[in-house]
N, C-alpha and C. Protein backbone atom coordinates (compact mmCIF):
# COMPACT_ATOMS: atom_id res chain seq x y z
N UNK A 1 0.85 -1.23 -0.04
CA UNK A 1 0.02 -0.03 0.01
C UNK A 1 0.84 1.25 -0.02
N UNK A 2 0.59 2.18 -0.80
CA UNK A 2 1.37 3.41 -0.95
C UNK A 2 0.98 4.30 0.17
N UNK A 3 2.02 4.99 0.80
CA UNK A 3 1.84 5.89 1.92
C UNK A 3 1.41 7.19 1.34
N UNK A 4 0.57 7.90 2.23
CA UNK A 4 0.24 9.22 1.58
C UNK A 4 1.46 10.10 1.96
N UNK A 5 1.72 11.12 1.16
CA UNK A 5 2.75 12.03 1.41
C UNK A 5 2.88 13.10 0.41
N UNK A 6 3.87 13.88 0.45
CA UNK A 6 4.09 14.88 -0.62
C UNK A 6 4.36 14.39 -1.96
N UNK A 7 5.11 13.20 -2.00
CA UNK A 7 5.44 12.68 -3.29
C UNK A 7 4.94 11.22 -3.45
N UNK A 8 4.38 10.76 -4.44
CA UNK A 8 4.14 9.36 -4.56
C UNK A 8 5.39 8.50 -4.35
N UNK A 9 5.25 7.36 -3.63
CA UNK A 9 6.49 6.57 -3.15
C UNK A 9 7.39 6.11 -4.51
N UNK A 10 6.64 5.87 -5.59
CA UNK A 10 7.42 5.31 -6.63
C UNK A 10 8.30 6.49 -7.32
N UNK A 11 7.94 7.55 -7.12
CA UNK A 11 8.70 8.64 -7.62
C UNK A 11 10.16 9.14 -6.89
N UNK A 12 10.06 8.66 -5.60
CA UNK A 12 11.19 8.98 -4.69
C UNK A 12 12.62 8.18 -5.02
N UNK A 13 13.64 9.02 -4.99
CA UNK A 13 14.99 8.46 -5.27
C UNK A 13 15.48 7.90 -3.94
N UNK A 14 16.47 7.11 -4.13
CA UNK A 14 17.28 6.42 -2.96
C UNK A 14 18.23 7.51 -2.41
N UNK A 15 18.17 7.81 -1.10
CA UNK A 15 19.18 8.67 -0.60
C UNK A 15 20.64 8.38 -0.90
N UNK A 16 21.04 7.09 -1.04
CA UNK A 16 22.44 6.79 -1.32
C UNK A 16 22.92 7.09 -2.66
N UNK A 17 21.99 7.44 -3.58
CA UNK A 17 22.30 8.01 -4.73
C UNK A 17 22.58 9.51 -4.77
N UNK A 18 22.57 10.07 -3.61
CA UNK A 18 22.53 11.60 -3.52
C UNK A 18 23.90 11.97 -2.58
N UNK A 19 24.60 12.87 -3.25
CA UNK A 19 25.79 13.55 -2.43
C UNK A 19 25.48 14.83 -1.90
N UNK A 20 25.70 14.98 -0.62
CA UNK A 20 25.47 16.42 0.19
C UNK A 20 26.79 16.92 0.50
N UNK A 21 27.00 18.15 -0.02
CA UNK A 21 28.22 18.92 0.50
C UNK A 21 27.90 19.78 1.61
N UNK A 22 28.56 19.57 2.70
CA UNK A 22 28.32 20.41 3.99
C UNK A 22 29.43 21.37 4.06
N UNK A 23 29.16 22.66 4.25
CA UNK A 23 30.15 23.74 4.10
C UNK A 23 29.91 24.44 5.46
N UNK A 24 30.94 24.25 6.37
CA UNK A 24 30.93 25.08 7.68
C UNK A 24 32.27 25.09 8.18
N UNK A 25 32.77 26.17 8.93
CA UNK A 25 33.94 26.17 9.65
C UNK A 25 34.02 25.45 10.96
N UNK A 26 32.91 25.20 11.51
CA UNK A 26 32.69 24.58 12.85
C UNK A 26 32.59 23.05 12.72
N UNK A 27 33.72 22.53 13.14
CA UNK A 27 33.92 20.99 13.15
C UNK A 27 32.84 20.18 13.82
N UNK A 28 32.41 20.73 14.92
CA UNK A 28 31.30 20.03 15.66
C UNK A 28 29.99 20.07 15.04
N UNK A 29 29.77 21.18 14.31
CA UNK A 29 28.43 21.13 13.46
C UNK A 29 28.63 20.26 12.29
N UNK A 30 29.71 20.33 11.59
CA UNK A 30 29.99 19.33 10.49
C UNK A 30 29.76 17.90 10.95
N UNK A 31 30.23 17.61 12.10
CA UNK A 31 30.10 16.13 12.72
C UNK A 31 28.51 15.84 12.87
N UNK A 32 27.78 16.85 13.46
CA UNK A 32 26.35 16.84 13.68
C UNK A 32 25.63 16.59 12.29
N UNK A 33 26.00 17.46 11.27
CA UNK A 33 25.37 17.27 9.90
C UNK A 33 25.64 16.06 9.36
N UNK A 34 26.97 15.58 9.47
CA UNK A 34 27.34 14.25 8.74
C UNK A 34 26.68 13.06 9.45
N UNK A 35 26.37 13.22 10.74
CA UNK A 35 25.73 12.12 11.52
C UNK A 35 24.19 12.04 10.82
N UNK A 36 23.57 13.13 10.80
CA UNK A 36 22.11 13.22 10.14
C UNK A 36 22.18 12.83 8.82
N UNK A 37 22.99 13.28 7.98
CA UNK A 37 23.10 12.85 6.53
C UNK A 37 23.27 11.40 6.39
N UNK A 38 24.29 10.79 7.09
CA UNK A 38 24.55 9.28 7.00
C UNK A 38 23.31 8.62 7.56
N UNK A 39 22.84 8.91 8.68
CA UNK A 39 21.59 8.22 9.15
C UNK A 39 20.42 8.23 8.29
N UNK A 40 20.41 9.39 7.55
CA UNK A 40 19.22 9.37 6.50
C UNK A 40 19.61 8.65 5.24
N UNK A 41 20.80 8.16 5.04
CA UNK A 41 21.08 7.28 3.95
C UNK A 41 21.92 8.12 2.87
N UNK A 42 22.14 9.28 2.90
CA UNK A 42 22.84 10.16 1.96
C UNK A 42 24.40 10.04 2.07
N UNK A 43 25.14 10.50 1.15
CA UNK A 43 26.58 10.45 1.09
C UNK A 43 27.02 11.85 1.35
N UNK A 44 27.84 12.06 2.54
CA UNK A 44 28.29 13.35 2.95
C UNK A 44 29.74 13.59 2.39
N UNK A 45 29.95 14.99 2.12
CA UNK A 45 31.32 15.52 1.84
C UNK A 45 31.42 16.79 2.59
N UNK A 46 32.71 17.12 3.16
CA UNK A 46 32.79 18.34 3.87
C UNK A 46 33.81 19.34 3.14
N UNK A 47 33.57 20.56 3.45
CA UNK A 47 34.22 21.68 3.27
C UNK A 47 34.19 22.59 4.43
N UNK A 48 35.37 23.20 4.82
CA UNK A 48 35.39 24.22 5.79
C UNK A 48 35.48 25.62 5.49
N UNK A 49 35.68 26.00 4.12
CA UNK A 49 35.60 27.36 3.82
C UNK A 49 35.06 27.63 2.48
N UNK A 50 34.80 28.73 1.96
CA UNK A 50 34.18 28.95 0.79
C UNK A 50 34.90 28.56 -0.46
N UNK A 51 36.22 28.87 -0.47
CA UNK A 51 37.00 28.30 -1.60
C UNK A 51 37.05 26.84 -1.71
N UNK A 52 37.29 26.08 -0.51
CA UNK A 52 37.26 24.66 -0.59
C UNK A 52 35.80 24.13 -1.28
N UNK A 53 34.77 24.79 -0.77
CA UNK A 53 33.41 24.48 -1.26
C UNK A 53 33.27 24.64 -2.85
N UNK A 54 33.80 25.80 -3.43
CA UNK A 54 33.74 25.90 -4.74
C UNK A 54 34.58 24.91 -5.45
N UNK A 55 35.70 24.57 -5.02
CA UNK A 55 36.70 23.48 -5.56
C UNK A 55 35.73 22.18 -5.68
N UNK A 56 35.16 21.79 -4.58
CA UNK A 56 34.58 20.55 -4.31
C UNK A 56 33.20 20.55 -5.22
N UNK A 57 32.59 21.56 -5.36
CA UNK A 57 31.36 21.68 -6.23
C UNK A 57 31.82 21.34 -7.60
N UNK A 58 32.87 21.93 -8.11
CA UNK A 58 33.41 21.74 -9.50
C UNK A 58 33.89 20.34 -9.66
N UNK A 59 34.54 19.69 -8.66
CA UNK A 59 35.01 18.38 -8.90
C UNK A 59 34.08 17.24 -8.65
N UNK A 60 32.95 17.42 -7.86
CA UNK A 60 32.10 16.21 -7.55
C UNK A 60 30.83 16.11 -8.44
N UNK A 61 30.14 16.90 -8.90
CA UNK A 61 29.34 17.95 -8.19
C UNK A 61 28.34 17.30 -7.25
N UNK A 62 27.98 17.98 -6.13
CA UNK A 62 26.91 17.54 -5.17
C UNK A 62 25.60 17.64 -5.62
N UNK A 63 24.63 16.84 -4.95
CA UNK A 63 23.23 17.08 -5.41
C UNK A 63 22.61 18.21 -4.48
N UNK A 64 23.10 18.61 -3.42
CA UNK A 64 22.63 19.49 -2.41
C UNK A 64 23.87 20.08 -1.55
N UNK A 65 23.75 21.36 -1.20
CA UNK A 65 24.65 21.97 -0.46
C UNK A 65 24.18 22.61 0.90
N UNK A 66 24.68 22.25 1.92
CA UNK A 66 24.48 22.88 3.28
C UNK A 66 25.46 23.89 3.47
N UNK A 67 25.12 25.10 3.44
CA UNK A 67 26.11 26.24 3.42
C UNK A 67 25.84 27.33 4.52
N UNK A 68 26.86 27.26 5.44
CA UNK A 68 26.97 28.41 6.31
C UNK A 68 27.20 29.80 5.76
N UNK A 69 26.63 30.77 6.20
CA UNK A 69 26.80 32.20 5.60
C UNK A 69 28.15 32.68 6.02
N UNK A 70 28.51 32.44 7.42
CA UNK A 70 29.70 32.99 8.01
C UNK A 70 30.81 32.14 7.90
N UNK A 71 31.68 32.29 6.73
CA UNK A 71 32.81 31.43 6.63
C UNK A 71 34.07 32.33 6.52
N UNK A 72 35.19 31.54 7.00
CA UNK A 72 36.45 32.44 6.70
C UNK A 72 36.92 32.71 5.14
N UNK A 73 37.48 33.65 4.87
CA UNK A 73 37.71 33.90 3.41
C UNK A 73 36.48 34.25 2.63
N UNK A 74 36.23 33.43 1.71
CA UNK A 74 35.14 33.64 0.90
C UNK A 74 33.73 33.29 1.69
N UNK A 75 32.96 34.29 1.90
CA UNK A 75 31.64 34.01 2.67
C UNK A 75 30.66 33.21 1.87
N UNK A 76 29.60 32.66 2.70
CA UNK A 76 28.46 31.95 2.08
C UNK A 76 27.75 32.74 0.97
N UNK A 77 27.53 33.93 1.12
CA UNK A 77 26.82 34.70 0.12
C UNK A 77 27.66 34.72 -1.08
N UNK A 78 28.82 34.90 -1.00
CA UNK A 78 29.86 34.98 -2.11
C UNK A 78 29.78 33.60 -3.02
N UNK A 79 29.82 32.49 -2.04
CA UNK A 79 29.70 31.23 -2.58
C UNK A 79 28.43 31.01 -3.50
N UNK A 80 27.30 31.49 -2.88
CA UNK A 80 26.08 31.33 -3.64
C UNK A 80 26.14 32.08 -4.99
N UNK A 81 26.57 33.27 -5.04
CA UNK A 81 26.70 34.11 -6.26
C UNK A 81 27.61 33.51 -7.19
N UNK A 82 28.71 33.05 -6.74
CA UNK A 82 29.65 32.34 -7.67
C UNK A 82 29.18 31.12 -8.22
N UNK A 83 28.44 30.16 -7.63
CA UNK A 83 27.80 29.02 -8.03
C UNK A 83 26.73 29.39 -9.21
N UNK A 84 26.01 30.61 -8.90
CA UNK A 84 25.01 30.99 -9.91
C UNK A 84 25.64 31.34 -11.16
N UNK A 85 26.76 31.60 -11.16
CA UNK A 85 27.57 32.10 -12.33
C UNK A 85 28.26 30.99 -13.14
N UNK A 86 28.14 29.79 -12.56
CA UNK A 86 28.69 28.55 -13.10
C UNK A 86 27.84 27.48 -13.50
N UNK A 87 28.33 26.39 -13.92
CA UNK A 87 27.47 25.31 -14.27
C UNK A 87 26.65 24.77 -13.02
N UNK A 88 27.07 25.21 -11.80
CA UNK A 88 26.39 24.64 -10.68
C UNK A 88 25.24 25.45 -10.28
N UNK A 89 24.63 26.29 -11.12
CA UNK A 89 23.55 27.24 -10.66
C UNK A 89 22.39 26.45 -10.24
N UNK A 90 22.32 25.29 -10.66
CA UNK A 90 21.09 24.54 -10.35
C UNK A 90 21.08 23.65 -9.12
N UNK A 91 22.32 23.60 -8.50
CA UNK A 91 22.43 22.78 -7.21
C UNK A 91 21.58 23.44 -6.23
N UNK A 92 20.76 22.78 -5.61
CA UNK A 92 20.02 23.43 -4.49
C UNK A 92 20.82 23.69 -3.28
N UNK A 93 20.56 24.82 -2.40
CA UNK A 93 21.30 25.09 -1.26
C UNK A 93 20.39 25.37 -0.24
N UNK A 94 20.77 24.87 1.08
CA UNK A 94 19.99 25.16 2.22
C UNK A 94 21.08 25.96 3.05
N UNK A 95 20.76 27.18 3.40
CA UNK A 95 21.69 28.18 4.02
C UNK A 95 21.34 27.99 5.45
N UNK A 96 22.54 27.98 6.27
CA UNK A 96 22.51 27.70 7.63
C UNK A 96 23.33 28.90 8.25
N UNK A 97 22.64 29.47 9.38
CA UNK A 97 23.48 30.48 10.04
C UNK A 97 23.31 30.49 11.58
N UNK A 98 24.24 30.91 12.28
CA UNK A 98 24.14 31.27 13.79
C UNK A 98 23.90 32.66 14.08
N UNK A 99 24.11 33.64 12.97
CA UNK A 99 24.09 34.96 13.39
C UNK A 99 22.63 35.49 13.18
N UNK A 100 22.49 36.44 13.83
CA UNK A 100 21.14 37.06 13.60
C UNK A 100 21.22 37.82 12.30
N UNK A 101 20.21 37.71 11.43
CA UNK A 101 20.04 38.26 10.14
C UNK A 101 18.91 39.18 10.12
N UNK A 102 18.84 40.29 9.79
CA UNK A 102 17.58 41.10 9.74
C UNK A 102 16.75 40.57 8.58
N UNK A 103 15.43 40.98 8.56
CA UNK A 103 14.60 40.55 7.65
C UNK A 103 14.90 40.86 6.12
N UNK A 104 15.46 42.15 5.89
CA UNK A 104 15.83 42.54 4.49
C UNK A 104 16.96 41.69 4.00
N UNK A 105 17.91 41.32 4.80
CA UNK A 105 19.07 40.43 4.34
C UNK A 105 18.64 39.07 4.16
N UNK A 106 17.77 38.49 5.11
CA UNK A 106 17.20 37.20 5.00
C UNK A 106 16.40 37.02 3.65
N UNK A 107 15.53 38.05 3.39
CA UNK A 107 14.85 37.86 2.12
C UNK A 107 15.55 38.08 0.88
N UNK A 108 16.85 38.71 1.15
CA UNK A 108 17.76 38.90 -0.19
C UNK A 108 18.27 37.38 -0.29
N UNK A 109 18.86 36.74 0.77
CA UNK A 109 19.41 35.53 0.56
C UNK A 109 18.21 34.40 0.14
N UNK A 110 17.11 34.51 0.58
CA UNK A 110 15.97 33.55 0.28
C UNK A 110 15.63 33.70 -1.12
N UNK A 111 15.75 35.06 -1.69
CA UNK A 111 15.38 35.34 -3.04
C UNK A 111 16.48 34.74 -4.09
N UNK A 112 17.65 34.28 -3.70
CA UNK A 112 18.47 33.68 -4.73
C UNK A 112 17.93 32.47 -5.20
N UNK A 113 18.04 32.26 -6.63
CA UNK A 113 17.32 31.19 -7.28
C UNK A 113 17.80 29.84 -6.82
N UNK A 114 19.02 29.66 -6.29
CA UNK A 114 19.44 28.31 -5.92
C UNK A 114 19.27 28.08 -4.25
N UNK A 115 18.75 28.99 -3.64
CA UNK A 115 18.52 28.78 -2.18
C UNK A 115 17.22 28.22 -2.01
N UNK A 116 17.02 27.10 -1.48
CA UNK A 116 15.61 26.39 -1.23
C UNK A 116 15.11 26.57 0.19
N UNK A 117 16.21 26.76 1.12
CA UNK A 117 15.71 26.76 2.51
C UNK A 117 16.63 27.56 3.29
N UNK A 118 16.18 28.00 4.39
CA UNK A 118 17.05 28.96 5.39
C UNK A 118 16.88 28.49 6.71
N UNK A 119 18.00 28.01 7.35
CA UNK A 119 17.71 27.48 8.85
C UNK A 119 18.63 28.38 9.76
N UNK A 120 18.25 28.46 10.90
CA UNK A 120 18.90 29.14 11.99
C UNK A 120 19.62 27.95 12.82
N UNK A 121 20.78 28.10 13.33
CA UNK A 121 21.52 27.33 14.30
C UNK A 121 20.88 27.62 15.79
N UNK A 122 20.71 26.77 16.63
CA UNK A 122 21.13 25.26 16.42
C UNK A 122 20.20 24.58 15.61
N UNK A 123 20.70 23.61 14.80
CA UNK A 123 20.05 22.88 13.94
C UNK A 123 19.08 21.90 14.70
N UNK A 124 17.88 21.57 14.05
CA UNK A 124 16.96 20.49 14.65
C UNK A 124 17.14 19.35 13.64
N UNK A 125 17.79 18.17 14.17
CA UNK A 125 18.08 17.21 13.16
C UNK A 125 16.86 16.80 12.39
N UNK A 126 15.60 16.75 12.91
CA UNK A 126 14.45 16.20 12.10
C UNK A 126 13.96 17.17 11.10
N UNK A 127 14.16 18.40 11.43
CA UNK A 127 13.86 19.48 10.41
C UNK A 127 14.83 19.52 9.30
N UNK A 128 16.14 19.36 9.59
CA UNK A 128 17.01 19.30 8.57
C UNK A 128 16.87 18.04 7.72
N UNK A 129 16.61 16.92 8.34
CA UNK A 129 16.47 15.68 7.57
C UNK A 129 15.12 15.77 6.75
N UNK A 130 14.13 16.46 7.21
CA UNK A 130 12.83 16.47 6.34
C UNK A 130 13.06 17.43 5.06
N UNK A 131 13.80 18.65 5.42
CA UNK A 131 14.01 19.53 4.44
C UNK A 131 14.80 18.88 3.29
N UNK A 132 16.01 18.15 3.54
CA UNK A 132 16.63 17.54 2.62
C UNK A 132 16.00 16.53 1.79
N UNK A 133 15.15 15.76 2.50
CA UNK A 133 14.35 14.58 1.70
C UNK A 133 13.37 15.32 0.70
N UNK A 134 12.70 16.48 1.14
CA UNK A 134 11.88 17.11 0.51
C UNK A 134 12.50 17.77 -0.77
N UNK A 135 13.53 18.52 -0.58
CA UNK A 135 14.25 19.10 -1.63
C UNK A 135 14.75 18.01 -2.73
N UNK A 136 15.32 17.01 -2.21
CA UNK A 136 15.82 16.05 -3.12
C UNK A 136 14.90 14.91 -3.59
N UNK A 137 13.63 15.02 -3.21
CA UNK A 137 12.66 14.02 -3.51
C UNK A 137 13.11 12.54 -3.18
N UNK A 138 13.58 12.22 -2.03
CA UNK A 138 14.17 11.02 -1.64
C UNK A 138 13.22 10.41 -0.62
N UNK A 139 13.54 9.01 -0.47
CA UNK A 139 12.71 8.10 0.34
C UNK A 139 13.46 8.12 1.76
N UNK A 140 12.81 8.65 2.81
CA UNK A 140 13.43 8.59 4.13
C UNK A 140 13.64 7.09 4.56
N UNK A 141 14.60 6.73 5.34
CA UNK A 141 14.77 5.47 5.72
C UNK A 141 13.67 5.11 6.84
N UNK A 142 13.37 3.76 7.01
CA UNK A 142 12.64 3.44 8.08
C UNK A 142 13.31 3.43 9.50
N UNK A 143 13.15 4.44 10.07
CA UNK A 143 13.81 4.70 11.40
C UNK A 143 12.75 5.05 12.35
N UNK A 144 12.98 4.34 13.61
CA UNK A 144 12.06 4.61 14.69
C UNK A 144 12.45 5.81 15.30
N UNK A 145 11.68 6.98 15.14
CA UNK A 145 12.10 8.28 15.67
C UNK A 145 11.17 8.53 16.94
N UNK A 146 10.92 7.52 17.76
CA UNK A 146 9.99 7.77 18.89
C UNK A 146 10.80 8.55 19.99
N UNK A 147 10.23 9.11 20.99
CA UNK A 147 10.81 10.02 21.91
C UNK A 147 11.67 9.32 22.81
N UNK A 148 11.52 7.88 22.91
CA UNK A 148 12.59 7.10 23.72
C UNK A 148 13.96 7.02 23.10
N UNK A 149 14.16 7.38 21.81
CA UNK A 149 15.45 7.10 21.15
C UNK A 149 16.51 8.06 21.51
N UNK A 150 16.14 9.20 22.13
CA UNK A 150 17.21 10.10 22.65
C UNK A 150 17.41 11.38 21.88
N UNK A 151 18.37 12.08 21.92
CA UNK A 151 18.38 13.52 21.42
C UNK A 151 18.46 13.46 19.96
N UNK A 152 18.57 12.53 19.25
CA UNK A 152 18.58 12.42 17.63
C UNK A 152 17.07 12.24 17.15
N UNK A 153 16.21 11.86 18.02
CA UNK A 153 14.97 11.61 17.61
C UNK A 153 14.08 12.85 17.26
N UNK A 154 13.20 12.71 16.56
CA UNK A 154 12.25 13.70 16.28
C UNK A 154 11.05 13.23 15.69
N UNK A 155 10.06 14.01 15.24
CA UNK A 155 8.90 13.45 14.65
C UNK A 155 9.13 12.76 13.42
N UNK A 156 8.26 11.80 13.15
CA UNK A 156 8.34 10.96 11.82
C UNK A 156 8.31 11.91 10.71
N UNK A 157 9.20 11.58 9.62
CA UNK A 157 9.04 12.33 8.38
C UNK A 157 8.02 11.91 7.54
């Protein structure tokens, strides 16, 4: 029996077919995102600054980018604009930030054609996982996400 949801089950891709580039200068946040991404069945790749992110996008290319706005050297907004001017313009981006951003700047970032989602730190694992599956139209794994499972648990996707 087909589950009801946003996408018909037969149209969903397998997460293992998707590569996600995580870009952040905070190793502990990269560890958290990598844990979430692996748990959901995706393949993770890391970058710790904007220049490394651009190089990896050109070399790989990923199916989705999780991008911190505040990066050393080339910042996240510069990365977004550089990707738009390249063959990577269609790669969806989830922007992640720990800094307060006023409504005008948030709307400017959200208005970029390759930005699909905007999330504030601290990240909520279930929300991040749901956003990734929705954007990439992938099938979430059968994971028991009940409250007894601990800090990584969240509502079912």
